[in-house]
Amino acid sequence: MGNVNEGCRFIPFGMGRRQCPGSGLANRVVGMALASLIQCFEWERVGEELVGLSEGKGLTMPKDDPLEAMCKPRQIMSHFVQTTIDVQ
């Protein structure tokens, strides 16, 4: 017979009474970080080929071919970063 907790090993913040008290904050921070990446940068594909959407094997559905993208800061962010550096 296997370990009783074997089915819960993929729950990152635990569950029940032993659940991580910071899980709500962590989920919000990840959302804010993703939103900042989308809003503050312009994203482009590295090559001309279309992005492959085929799935690899695994529990988390990884991509067969990794996504390669190039980012550059938007003009408003370049100005913000420059003024922040000048202040210090």
C-alpha atoms as a PDB file:
ATOM      1  CA  MET A   1       0.000   0.000   0.000  1.00  0.00           C
ATOM      2  CA  GLY A   2       1.335   3.455  -0.945  1.00  0.00           C
ATOM      3  CA  ASN A   3       1.806   6.541   1.128  1.00  0.00           C
ATOM      4  CA  VAL A   4      -1.432   8.239   2.242  1.00  0.00           C
ATOM      5  CA  ASN A   5      -0.163  11.674   1.178  1.00  0.00           C
ATOM      6  CA  GLU A   6       0.986  10.476  -2.240  1.00  0.00           C
ATOM      7  CA  GLY A   7      -2.095  11.929  -3.980  1.00  0.00           C
ATOM      8  CA  CYS A   8      -1.487  15.419  -2.519  1.00  0.00           C
ATOM      9  CA  ARG A   9       2.163  15.868  -3.443  1.00  0.00           C
ATOM     10  CA  PHE A  10       1.321  18.149  -6.394  1.00  0.00           C
ATOM     11  CA  ILE A  11      -0.703  20.662  -4.377  1.00  0.00           C
ATOM     12  CA  PRO A  12       1.819  23.498  -3.970  1.00  0.00           C
ATOM     13  CA  PHE A  13       0.263  25.134  -0.903  1.00  0.00           C
ATOM     14  CA  GLY A  14      -1.063  22.073   0.916  1.00  0.00           C
ATOM     15  CA  MET A  15      -4.662  21.651   1.909  1.00  0.00           C
ATOM     16  CA  GLY A  16      -6.941  21.582   4.906  1.00  0.00           C
ATOM     17  CA  ARG A  17      -5.687  22.665   8.311  1.00  0.00           C
ATOM     18  CA  ARG A  18      -2.072  22.486   7.140  1.00  0.00           C
ATOM     19  CA  GLN A  19      -2.601  24.831   4.195  1.00  0.00           C
ATOM     20  CA  CYS A  20      -0.061  27.614   3.667  1.00  0.00           C
ATOM     21  CA  PRO A  21      -1.421  30.908   5.073  1.00  0.00           C
ATOM     22  CA  GLY A  22       0.311  32.858   2.291  1.00  0.00           C
ATOM     23  CA  SER A  23      -1.278  31.025  -0.644  1.00  0.00           C
ATOM     24  CA  GLY A  24      -3.773  33.807  -1.408  1.00  0.00           C
ATOM     25  CA  LEU A  25      -1.024  36.434  -1.441  1.00  0.00           C
ATOM     26  CA  ALA A  26       1.220  34.233  -3.599  1.00  0.00           C
ATOM     27  CA  ASN A  27      -1.524  33.746  -6.187  1.00  0.00           C
ATOM     28  CA  ARG A  28      -2.155  37.514  -6.320  1.00  0.00           C
ATOM     29  CA  VAL A  29       1.564  38.282  -6.684  1.00  0.00           C
ATOM     30  CA  VAL A  30       1.886  35.861  -9.611  1.00  0.00           C
ATOM     31  CA  GLY A  31      -1.081  37.553 -11.305  1.00  0.00           C
ATOM     32  CA  MET A  32       0.410  41.003 -10.757  1.00  0.00           C
ATOM     33  CA  ALA A  33       3.812  39.901 -12.077  1.00  0.00           C
ATOM     34  CA  LEU A  34       2.244  38.461 -15.222  1.00  0.00           C
ATOM     35  CA  ALA A  35       0.164  41.605 -15.739  1.00  0.00           C
ATOM     36  CA  SER A  36       3.289  43.767 -15.345  1.00  0.00           C
ATOM     37  CA  LEU A  37       5.171  41.713 -17.927  1.00  0.00           C
ATOM     38  CA  ILE A  38       2.307  42.064 -20.393  1.00  0.00           C
ATOM     39  CA  GLN A  39       1.774  45.807 -19.837  1.00  0.00           C
ATOM     40  CA  CYS A  40       5.379  46.990 -19.525  1.00  0.00           C
ATOM     41  CA  PHE A  41       6.970  45.145 -22.444  1.00  0.00           C
ATOM     42  CA  GLU A  42       6.372  44.654 -26.160  1.00  0.00           C
ATOM     43  CA  TRP A  43       6.662  40.964 -27.073  1.00  0.00           C
ATOM     44  CA  GLU A  44       7.682  39.497 -30.449  1.00  0.00           C
ATOM     45  CA  ARG A  45       8.460  36.029 -31.751  1.00  0.00           C
ATOM     46  CA  VAL A  46      12.142  35.308 -32.322  1.00  0.00           C
ATOM     47  CA  GLY A  47      11.618  33.530 -35.640  1.00  0.00           C
ATOM     48  CA  GLU A  48       9.088  33.806 -38.437  1.00  0.00           C
ATOM     49  CA  GLU A  49       7.516  30.390 -37.867  1.00  0.00           C
ATOM     50  CA  LEU A  50       4.179  30.156 -36.087  1.00  0.00           C
ATOM     51  CA  VAL A  51       4.084  29.277 -32.404  1.00  0.00           C
ATOM     52  CA  GLY A  52       3.622  25.523 -31.949  1.00  0.00           C
ATOM     53  CA  LEU A  53       0.747  24.604 -29.668  1.00  0.00           C
ATOM     54  CA  SER A  54       1.447  20.877 -29.428  1.00  0.00           C
ATOM     55  CA  GLU A  55       1.605  19.447 -25.928  1.00  0.00           C
ATOM     56  CA  GLY A  56       4.333  17.290 -24.505  1.00  0.00           C
ATOM     57  CA  LYS A  57       3.983  14.462 -22.025  1.00  0.00           C
ATOM     58  CA  GLY A  58       3.565  15.166 -18.349  1.00  0.00           C
ATOM     59  CA  LEU A  59       1.112  16.166 -15.676  1.00  0.00           C
ATOM     60  CA  THR A  60       1.492  19.923 -16.256  1.00  0.00           C
ATOM     61  CA  MET A  61       1.054  19.731 -20.061  1.00  0.00           C
ATOM     62  CA  PRO A  62       4.436  21.197 -21.098  1.00  0.00           C
ATOM     63  CA  LYS A  63       4.947  22.454 -24.645  1.00  0.00           C
ATOM     64  CA  ASP A  64       6.762  20.198 -27.132  1.00  0.00           C
ATOM     65  CA  ASP A  65       8.804  23.125 -28.439  1.00  0.00           C
ATOM     66  CA  PRO A  66       9.656  25.860 -25.932  1.00  0.00           C
ATOM     67  CA  LEU A  67       8.326  29.327 -26.678  1.00  0.00           C
ATOM     68  CA  GLU A  68      11.052  31.811 -27.571  1.00  0.00           C
ATOM     69  CA  ALA A  69      10.133  35.475 -27.450  1.00  0.00           C
ATOM     70  CA  MET A  70      11.978  38.776 -27.483  1.00  0.00           C
ATOM     71  CA  CYS A  71      10.849  41.628 -25.284  1.00  0.00           C
ATOM     72  CA  LYS A  72      11.692  45.291 -25.186  1.00  0.00           C
ATOM     73  CA  PRO A  73      10.428  47.856 -22.700  1.00  0.00           C
ATOM     74  CA  ARG A  74       7.653  50.134 -23.858  1.00  0.00           C
ATOM     75  CA  GLN A  75       8.648  53.785 -24.297  1.00  0.00           C
ATOM     76  CA  ILE A  76       6.835  54.912 -21.149  1.00  0.00           C
ATOM     77  CA  MET A  77       8.706  52.261 -19.135  1.00  0.00           C
ATOM     78  CA  SER A  78      12.068  53.301 -20.593  1.00  0.00           C
ATOM     79  CA  HIS A  79      11.390  56.835 -19.380  1.00  0.00           C
ATOM     80  CA  PHE A  80      10.315  55.538 -15.952  1.00  0.00           C
ATOM     81  CA  VAL A  81      13.416  53.370 -15.546  1.00  0.00           C
ATOM     82  CA  GLN A  82      15.720  56.223 -16.632  1.00  0.00           C
ATOM     83  CA  THR A  83      14.191  58.671 -14.147  1.00  0.00           C
ATOM     84  CA  THR A  84      14.398  56.060 -11.392  1.00  0.00           C
ATOM     85  CA  ILE A  85      18.102  55.490 -12.102  1.00  0.00           C
ATOM     86  CA  ASP A  86      18.771  59.253 -12.190  1.00  0.00           C
ATOM     87  CA  VAL A  87      17.150  59.754  -8.775  1.00  0.00           C
ATOM     88  CA  GLN A  88      19.464  57.242  -7.118  1.00  0.00           C
END
